[in-house]
Amino acid sequence: PHNIKLWCLGNEMDGRWQMGAKTATEYG
């Protein structure tokens, strides 16, 4: 296994340019 220890939960999800952008509540 790669044993990757650190994971980002998406990227810039507040940005209108982002695919699948969300409100803070939706993203939370």
PDB file of all heavy atoms in Angstrom:
ATOM      1  N   PRO A   1       0.829  -1.219   0.000  1.00  0.00           N
ATOM      2  CA  PRO A   1       0.000   0.000   0.000  1.00  0.00           C
ATOM      3  C   PRO A   1       0.855   1.257   0.000  1.00  0.00           C
ATOM      4  O   PRO A   1       1.992   1.262   0.478  1.00  0.00           O
ATOM      5  CB  PRO A   1      -0.816  -0.123   1.289  1.00  0.00           C
ATOM      6  CG  PRO A   1      -0.073  -1.098   2.148  1.00  0.00           C
ATOM      7  CD  PRO A   1       0.634  -2.024   1.218  1.00  0.00           C
ATOM      8  N   HIS A   2       0.304   2.337  -0.522  1.00  0.00           N
ATOM      9  CA  HIS A   2       1.025   3.613  -0.576  1.00  0.00           C
ATOM     10  C   HIS A   2       1.092   4.293   0.787  1.00  0.00           C
ATOM     11  O   HIS A   2       1.995   5.101   1.026  1.00  0.00           O
ATOM     12  CB  HIS A   2       0.349   4.552  -1.579  1.00  0.00           C
ATOM     13  CG  HIS A   2       0.430   4.091  -3.006  1.00  0.00           C
ATOM     14  ND1 HIS A   2       1.604   3.725  -3.593  1.00  0.00           N
ATOM     15  CD2 HIS A   2      -0.538   3.963  -3.963  1.00  0.00           C
ATOM     16  CE1 HIS A   2       1.376   3.369  -4.863  1.00  0.00           C
ATOM     17  NE2 HIS A   2       0.080   3.506  -5.098  1.00  0.00           N
ATOM     18  N   ASN A   3       0.126   3.996   1.660  1.00  0.00           N
ATOM     19  CA  ASN A   3       0.103   4.585   3.009  1.00  0.00           C
ATOM     20  C   ASN A   3       0.171   6.115   2.977  1.00  0.00           C
ATOM     21  O   ASN A   3       0.985   6.735   3.656  1.00  0.00           O
ATOM     22  CB  ASN A   3       1.239   4.017   3.868  1.00  0.00           C
ATOM     23  CG  ASN A   3       0.984   2.574   4.267  1.00  0.00           C
ATOM     24  OD1 ASN A   3      -0.154   2.196   4.534  1.00  0.00           O
ATOM     25  ND2 ASN A   3       2.031   1.761   4.274  1.00  0.00           N
ATOM     26  N   ILE A   4      -0.684   6.705   2.179  1.00  0.00           N
ATOM     27  CA  ILE A   4      -0.771   8.169   2.111  1.00  0.00           C
ATOM     28  C   ILE A   4      -1.486   8.663   3.368  1.00  0.00           C
ATOM     29  O   ILE A   4      -2.608   8.261   3.649  1.00  0.00           O
ATOM     30  CB  ILE A   4      -1.527   8.608   0.846  1.00  0.00           C
ATOM     31  CG1 ILE A   4      -0.786   8.106  -0.400  1.00  0.00           C
ATOM     32  CG2 ILE A   4      -1.686  10.130   0.809  1.00  0.00           C
ATOM     33  CD1 ILE A   4      -1.597   8.226  -1.679  1.00  0.00           C
ATOM     34  N   LYS A   5      -0.850   9.543   4.105  1.00  0.00           N
ATOM     35  CA  LYS A   5      -1.354   9.929   5.419  1.00  0.00           C
ATOM     36  C   LYS A   5      -2.133  11.244   5.441  1.00  0.00           C
ATOM     37  O   LYS A   5      -2.813  11.539   6.423  1.00  0.00           O
ATOM     38  CB  LYS A   5      -0.184  10.031   6.417  1.00  0.00           C
ATOM     39  CG  LYS A   5       0.542   8.712   6.640  1.00  0.00           C
ATOM     40  CD  LYS A   5      -0.406   7.623   7.128  1.00  0.00           C
ATOM     41  CE  LYS A   5       0.324   6.328   7.406  1.00  0.00           C
ATOM     42  NZ  LYS A   5      -0.620   5.220   7.757  1.00  0.00           N
ATOM     43  N   LEU A   6      -2.033  12.038   4.386  1.00  0.00           N
ATOM     44  CA  LEU A   6      -2.652  13.363   4.390  1.00  0.00           C
ATOM     45  C   LEU A   6      -3.532  13.529   3.159  1.00  0.00           C
ATOM     46  O   LEU A   6      -3.062  13.333   2.026  1.00  0.00           O
ATOM     47  CB  LEU A   6      -1.554  14.431   4.421  1.00  0.00           C
ATOM     48  CG  LEU A   6      -1.975  15.876   4.667  1.00  0.00           C
ATOM     49  CD1 LEU A   6      -2.676  16.022   6.014  1.00  0.00           C
ATOM     50  CD2 LEU A   6      -0.751  16.786   4.618  1.00  0.00           C
ATOM     51  N   TRP A   7      -4.795  13.925   3.365  1.00  0.00           N
ATOM     52  CA  TRP A   7      -5.781  13.969   2.287  1.00  0.00           C
ATOM     53  C   TRP A   7      -6.544  15.296   2.314  1.00  0.00           C
ATOM     54  O   TRP A   7      -7.068  15.703   3.345  1.00  0.00           O
ATOM     55  CB  TRP A   7      -6.779  12.815   2.432  1.00  0.00           C
ATOM     56  CG  TRP A   7      -6.149  11.465   2.260  1.00  0.00           C
ATOM     57  CD1 TRP A   7      -5.377  10.793   3.177  1.00  0.00           C
ATOM     58  CD2 TRP A   7      -6.225  10.628   1.094  1.00  0.00           C
ATOM     59  NE1 TRP A   7      -4.981   9.586   2.657  1.00  0.00           N
ATOM     60  CE2 TRP A   7      -5.485   9.452   1.388  1.00  0.00           C
ATOM     61  CE3 TRP A   7      -6.852  10.756  -0.146  1.00  0.00           C
ATOM     62  CZ2 TRP A   7      -5.351   8.412   0.466  1.00  0.00           C
ATOM     63  CZ3 TRP A   7      -6.732   9.718  -1.065  1.00  0.00           C
ATOM     64  CH2 TRP A   7      -5.980   8.560  -0.763  1.00  0.00           C
ATOM     65  N   CYS A   8      -6.606  15.959   1.153  1.00  0.00           N
ATOM     66  CA  CYS A   8      -7.382  17.196   0.985  1.00  0.00           C
ATOM     67  C   CYS A   8      -8.817  16.851   0.599  1.00  0.00           C
ATOM     68  O   CYS A   8      -9.034  16.070  -0.345  1.00  0.00           O
ATOM     69  CB  CYS A   8      -6.782  18.072  -0.107  1.00  0.00           C
ATOM     70  SG  CYS A   8      -5.113  18.642   0.214  1.00  0.00           S
ATOM     71  N   LEU A   9      -9.764  17.464   1.281  1.00  0.00           N
ATOM     72  CA  LEU A   9     -11.181  17.215   1.004  1.00  0.00           C
ATOM     73  C   LEU A   9     -11.670  18.200  -0.047  1.00  0.00           C
ATOM     74  O   LEU A   9     -12.386  19.162   0.231  1.00  0.00           O
ATOM     75  CB  LEU A   9     -11.985  17.334   2.301  1.00  0.00           C
ATOM     76  CG  LEU A   9     -11.549  16.376   3.425  1.00  0.00           C
ATOM     77  CD1 LEU A   9     -12.258  16.725   4.732  1.00  0.00           C
ATOM     78  CD2 LEU A   9     -11.822  14.925   3.032  1.00  0.00           C
ATOM     79  N   GLY A  10     -11.258  17.962  -1.302  1.00  0.00           N
ATOM     80  CA  GLY A  10     -11.626  18.849  -2.394  1.00  0.00           C
ATOM     81  C   GLY A  10     -10.686  20.032  -2.512  1.00  0.00           C
ATOM     82  O   GLY A  10      -9.611  20.063  -1.912  1.00  0.00           O
ATOM     83  N   ASN A  11     -11.114  21.024  -3.284  1.00  0.00           N
ATOM     84  CA  ASN A  11     -10.296  22.203  -3.546  1.00  0.00           C
ATOM     85  C   ASN A  11     -11.181  23.413  -3.804  1.00  0.00           C
ATOM     86  O   ASN A  11     -12.080  23.361  -4.647  1.00  0.00           O
ATOM     87  CB  ASN A  11      -9.415  21.960  -4.786  1.00  0.00           C
ATOM     88  CG  ASN A  11      -8.636  23.193  -5.189  1.00  0.00           C
ATOM     89  OD1 ASN A  11      -7.647  23.548  -4.555  1.00  0.00           O
ATOM     90  ND2 ASN A  11      -9.077  23.877  -6.243  1.00  0.00           N
ATOM     91  N   GLU A  12     -10.941  24.498  -3.056  1.00  0.00           N
ATOM     92  CA  GLU A  12     -11.595  25.798  -3.293  1.00  0.00           C
ATOM     93  C   GLU A  12     -13.080  25.657  -3.615  1.00  0.00           C
ATOM     94  O   GLU A  12     -13.582  26.205  -4.603  1.00  0.00           O
ATOM     95  CB  GLU A  12     -10.867  26.556  -4.410  1.00  0.00           C
ATOM     96  CG  GLU A  12      -9.445  26.936  -4.029  1.00  0.00           C
ATOM     97  CD  GLU A  12      -8.734  27.766  -5.090  1.00  0.00           C
ATOM     98  OE1 GLU A  12      -9.318  27.996  -6.173  1.00  0.00           O
ATOM     99  OE2 GLU A  12      -7.589  28.192  -4.842  1.00  0.00           O
ATOM    100  N   MET A  13     -13.782  24.931  -2.769  1.00  0.00           N
ATOM    101  CA  MET A  13     -15.176  24.607  -3.083  1.00  0.00           C
ATOM    102  C   MET A  13     -16.109  25.803  -2.993  1.00  0.00           C
ATOM    103  O   MET A  13     -17.270  25.722  -3.396  1.00  0.00           O
ATOM    104  CB  MET A  13     -15.668  23.487  -2.160  1.00  0.00           C
ATOM    105  CG  MET A  13     -14.908  22.161  -2.312  1.00  0.00           C
ATOM    106  SD  MET A  13     -14.753  21.576  -4.010  1.00  0.00           S
ATOM    107  CE  MET A  13     -16.453  21.447  -4.493  1.00  0.00           C
ATOM    108  N   ASP A  14     -15.630  26.950  -2.506  1.00  0.00           N
ATOM    109  CA  ASP A  14     -16.448  28.163  -2.478  1.00  0.00           C
ATOM    110  C   ASP A  14     -16.403  28.921  -3.793  1.00  0.00           C
ATOM    111  O   ASP A  14     -17.192  29.846  -4.010  1.00  0.00           O
ATOM    112  CB  ASP A  14     -15.974  29.084  -1.357  1.00  0.00           C
ATOM    113  CG  ASP A  14     -14.552  29.595  -1.595  1.00  0.00           C
ATOM    114  OD1 ASP A  14     -13.714  28.821  -2.104  1.00  0.00           O
ATOM    115  OD2 ASP A  14     -14.279  30.768  -1.270  1.00  0.00           O
ATOM    116  N   GLY A  15     -15.468  28.574  -4.685  1.00  0.00           N
ATOM    117  CA  GLY A  15     -15.238  29.357  -5.907  1.00  0.00           C
ATOM    118  C   GLY A  15     -16.237  29.058  -7.009  1.00  0.00           C
ATOM    119  O   GLY A  15     -16.488  27.895  -7.339  1.00  0.00           O
ATOM    120  N   ARG A  16     -16.779  30.087  -7.617  1.00  0.00           N
ATOM    121  CA  ARG A  16     -17.759  29.888  -8.687  1.00  0.00           C
ATOM    122  C   ARG A  16     -17.131  29.216  -9.902  1.00  0.00           C
ATOM    123  O   ARG A  16     -17.831  28.655 -10.754  1.00  0.00           O
ATOM    124  CB  ARG A  16     -18.393  31.226  -9.084  1.00  0.00           C
ATOM    125  CG  ARG A  16     -17.422  32.229  -9.683  1.00  0.00           C
ATOM    126  CD  ARG A  16     -18.079  33.576  -9.950  1.00  0.00           C
ATOM    127  NE  ARG A  16     -17.161  34.517 -10.587  1.00  0.00           N
ATOM    128  CZ  ARG A  16     -16.243  35.222  -9.951  1.00  0.00           C
ATOM    129  NH1 ARG A  16     -16.116  35.091  -8.631  1.00  0.00           N
ATOM    130  NH2 ARG A  16     -15.443  36.052 -10.600  1.00  0.00           N
ATOM    131  N   TRP A  17     -15.789  29.302 -10.038  1.00  0.00           N
ATOM    132  CA  TRP A  17     -15.059  28.681 -11.145  1.00  0.00           C
ATOM    133  C   TRP A  17     -14.869  27.180 -10.926  1.00  0.00           C
ATOM    134  O   TRP A  17     -14.409  26.477 -11.808  1.00  0.00           O
ATOM    135  CB  TRP A  17     -13.681  29.328 -11.289  1.00  0.00           C
ATOM    136  CG  TRP A  17     -12.880  29.227 -10.015  1.00  0.00           C
ATOM    137  CD1 TRP A  17     -12.065  28.195  -9.618  1.00  0.00           C
ATOM    138  CD2 TRP A  17     -12.870  30.166  -8.962  1.00  0.00           C
ATOM    139  NE1 TRP A  17     -11.556  28.441  -8.374  1.00  0.00           N
ATOM    140  CE2 TRP A  17     -12.024  29.653  -7.945  1.00  0.00           C
ATOM    141  CE3 TRP A  17     -13.489  31.415  -8.761  1.00  0.00           C
ATOM    142  CZ2 TRP A  17     -11.795  30.343  -6.743  1.00  0.00           C
ATOM    143  CZ3 TRP A  17     -13.244  32.084  -7.567  1.00  0.00           C
ATOM    144  CH2 TRP A  17     -12.405  31.556  -6.584  1.00  0.00           C
ATOM    145  N   GLN A  18     -15.201  26.708  -9.732  1.00  0.00           N
ATOM    146  CA  GLN A  18     -14.929  25.319  -9.372  1.00  0.00           C
ATOM    147  C   GLN A  18     -16.038  24.413  -9.856  1.00  0.00           C
ATOM    148  O   GLN A  18     -17.229  24.715  -9.692  1.00  0.00           O
ATOM    149  CB  GLN A  18     -14.801  25.191  -7.846  1.00  0.00           C
ATOM    150  CG  GLN A  18     -13.994  23.994  -7.400  1.00  0.00           C
ATOM    151  CD  GLN A  18     -12.531  24.162  -7.710  1.00  0.00           C
ATOM    152  OE1 GLN A  18     -11.849  23.194  -7.990  1.00  0.00           O
ATOM    153  NE2 GLN A  18     -12.049  25.392  -7.685  1.00  0.00           N
ATOM    154  N   MET A  19     -15.676  23.282 -10.470  1.00  0.00           N
ATOM    155  CA  MET A  19     -16.680  22.281 -10.822  1.00  0.00           C
ATOM    156  C   MET A  19     -17.332  21.760  -9.547  1.00  0.00           C
ATOM    157  O   MET A  19     -16.645  21.331  -8.619  1.00  0.00           O
ATOM    158  CB  MET A  19     -16.021  21.129 -11.588  1.00  0.00           C
ATOM    159  CG  MET A  19     -15.568  21.491 -12.987  1.00  0.00           C
ATOM    160  SD  MET A  19     -14.728  20.119 -13.830  1.00  0.00           S
ATOM    161  CE  MET A  19     -13.073  20.281 -13.158  1.00  0.00           C
ATOM    162  N   GLY A  20     -18.641  21.822  -9.484  1.00  0.00           N
ATOM    163  CA  GLY A  20     -19.344  21.352  -8.294  1.00  0.00           C
ATOM    164  C   GLY A  20     -19.237  22.280  -7.108  1.00  0.00           C
ATOM    165  O   GLY A  20     -19.279  21.830  -5.959  1.00  0.00           O
ATOM    166  N   ALA A  21     -19.093  23.589  -7.360  1.00  0.00           N
ATOM    167  CA  ALA A  21     -19.009  24.559  -6.259  1.00  0.00           C
ATOM    168  C   ALA A  21     -20.212  24.425  -5.326  1.00  0.00           C
ATOM    169  O   ALA A  21     -21.312  24.072  -5.757  1.00  0.00           O
ATOM    170  CB  ALA A  21     -18.935  25.973  -6.828  1.00  0.00           C
ATOM    171  N   LYS A  22     -19.984  24.740  -4.050  1.00  0.00           N
ATOM    172  CA  LYS A  22     -21.016  24.501  -3.050  1.00  0.00           C
ATOM    173  C   LYS A  22     -21.124  25.671  -2.085  1.00  0.00           C
ATOM    174  O   LYS A  22     -20.212  26.501  -1.979  1.00  0.00           O
ATOM    175  CB  LYS A  22     -20.693  23.216  -2.285  1.00  0.00           C
ATOM    176  CG  LYS A  22     -20.793  21.958  -3.145  1.00  0.00           C
ATOM    177  CD  LYS A  22     -20.255  20.746  -2.452  1.00  0.00           C
ATOM    178  CE  LYS A  22     -20.541  19.492  -3.291  1.00  0.00           C
ATOM    179  NZ  LYS A  22     -19.928  19.564  -4.637  1.00  0.00           N
ATOM    180  N   THR A  23     -22.234  25.720  -1.372  1.00  0.00           N
ATOM    181  CA  THR A  23     -22.340  26.645  -0.246  1.00  0.00           C
ATOM    182  C   THR A  23     -21.545  26.066   0.918  1.00  0.00           C
ATOM    183  O   THR A  23     -21.173  24.883   0.915  1.00  0.00           O
ATOM    184  CB  THR A  23     -23.795  26.827   0.187  1.00  0.00           C
ATOM    185  OG1 THR A  23     -24.276  25.575   0.717  1.00  0.00           O
ATOM    186  CG2 THR A  23     -24.677  27.262  -0.986  1.00  0.00           C
ATOM    187  N   ALA A  24     -21.297  26.878   1.929  1.00  0.00           N
ATOM    188  CA  ALA A  24     -20.546  26.405   3.086  1.00  0.00           C
ATOM    189  C   ALA A  24     -21.251  25.240   3.775  1.00  0.00           C
ATOM    190  O   ALA A  24     -20.608  24.277   4.222  1.00  0.00           O
ATOM    191  CB  ALA A  24     -20.337  27.552   4.073  1.00  0.00           C
ATOM    192  N   THR A  25     -22.567  25.299   3.850  1.00  0.00           N
ATOM    193  CA  THR A  25     -23.319  24.222   4.491  1.00  0.00           C
ATOM    194  C   THR A  25     -23.269  22.946   3.666  1.00  0.00           C
ATOM    195  O   THR A  25     -23.049  21.851   4.202  1.00  0.00           O
ATOM    196  CB  THR A  25     -24.775  24.646   4.721  1.00  0.00           C
ATOM    197  OG1 THR A  25     -24.796  25.788   5.585  1.00  0.00           O
ATOM    198  CG2 THR A  25     -25.583  23.516   5.347  1.00  0.00           C
ATOM    199  N   GLU A  26     -23.462  23.082   2.343  1.00  0.00           N
ATOM    200  CA  GLU A  26     -23.379  21.907   1.469  1.00  0.00           C
ATOM    201  C   GLU A  26     -22.003  21.256   1.561  1.00  0.00           C
ATOM    202  O   GLU A  26     -21.892  20.030   1.692  1.00  0.00           O
ATOM    203  CB  GLU A  26     -23.656  22.317   0.026  1.00  0.00           C
ATOM    204  CG  GLU A  26     -25.089  22.703  -0.263  1.00  0.00           C
ATOM    205  CD  GLU A  26     -25.264  23.325  -1.630  1.00  0.00           C
ATOM    206  OE1 GLU A  26     -24.264  23.819  -2.215  1.00  0.00           O
ATOM    207  OE2 GLU A  26     -26.408  23.333  -2.121  1.00  0.00           O
ATOM    208  N   TYR A  27     -20.984  22.096   1.505  1.00  0.00           N
ATOM    209  CA  TYR A  27     -19.628  21.550   1.548  1.00  0.00           C
ATOM    210  C   TYR A  27     -19.318  20.961   2.922  1.00  0.00           C
ATOM    211  O   TYR A  27     -18.726  19.879   3.027  1.00  0.00           O
ATOM    212  CB  TYR A  27     -18.596  22.621   1.204  1.00  0.00           C
ATOM    213  CG  TYR A  27     -17.191  22.113   1.450  1.00  0.00           C
ATOM    214  CD1 TYR A  27     -16.646  21.111   0.647  1.00  0.00           C
ATOM    215  CD2 TYR A  27     -16.443  22.577   2.530  1.00  0.00           C
ATOM    216  CE1 TYR A  27     -15.384  20.598   0.906  1.00  0.00           C
ATOM    217  CE2 TYR A  27     -15.177  22.075   2.794  1.00  0.00           C
ATOM    218  CZ  TYR A  27     -14.644  21.082   1.965  1.00  0.00           C
ATOM    219  OH  TYR A  27     -13.395  20.567   2.232  1.00  0.00           O
ATOM    220  N   GLY A  28     -19.709  21.639   3.976  1.00  0.00           N
ATOM    221  CA  GLY A  28     -19.437  21.136   5.321  1.00  0.00           C
ATOM    222  C   GLY A  28     -20.027  19.760   5.539  1.00  0.00           C
ATOM    223  O   GLY A  28     -19.376  18.866   6.109  1.00  0.00           O
TER     224      GLY A  28
END
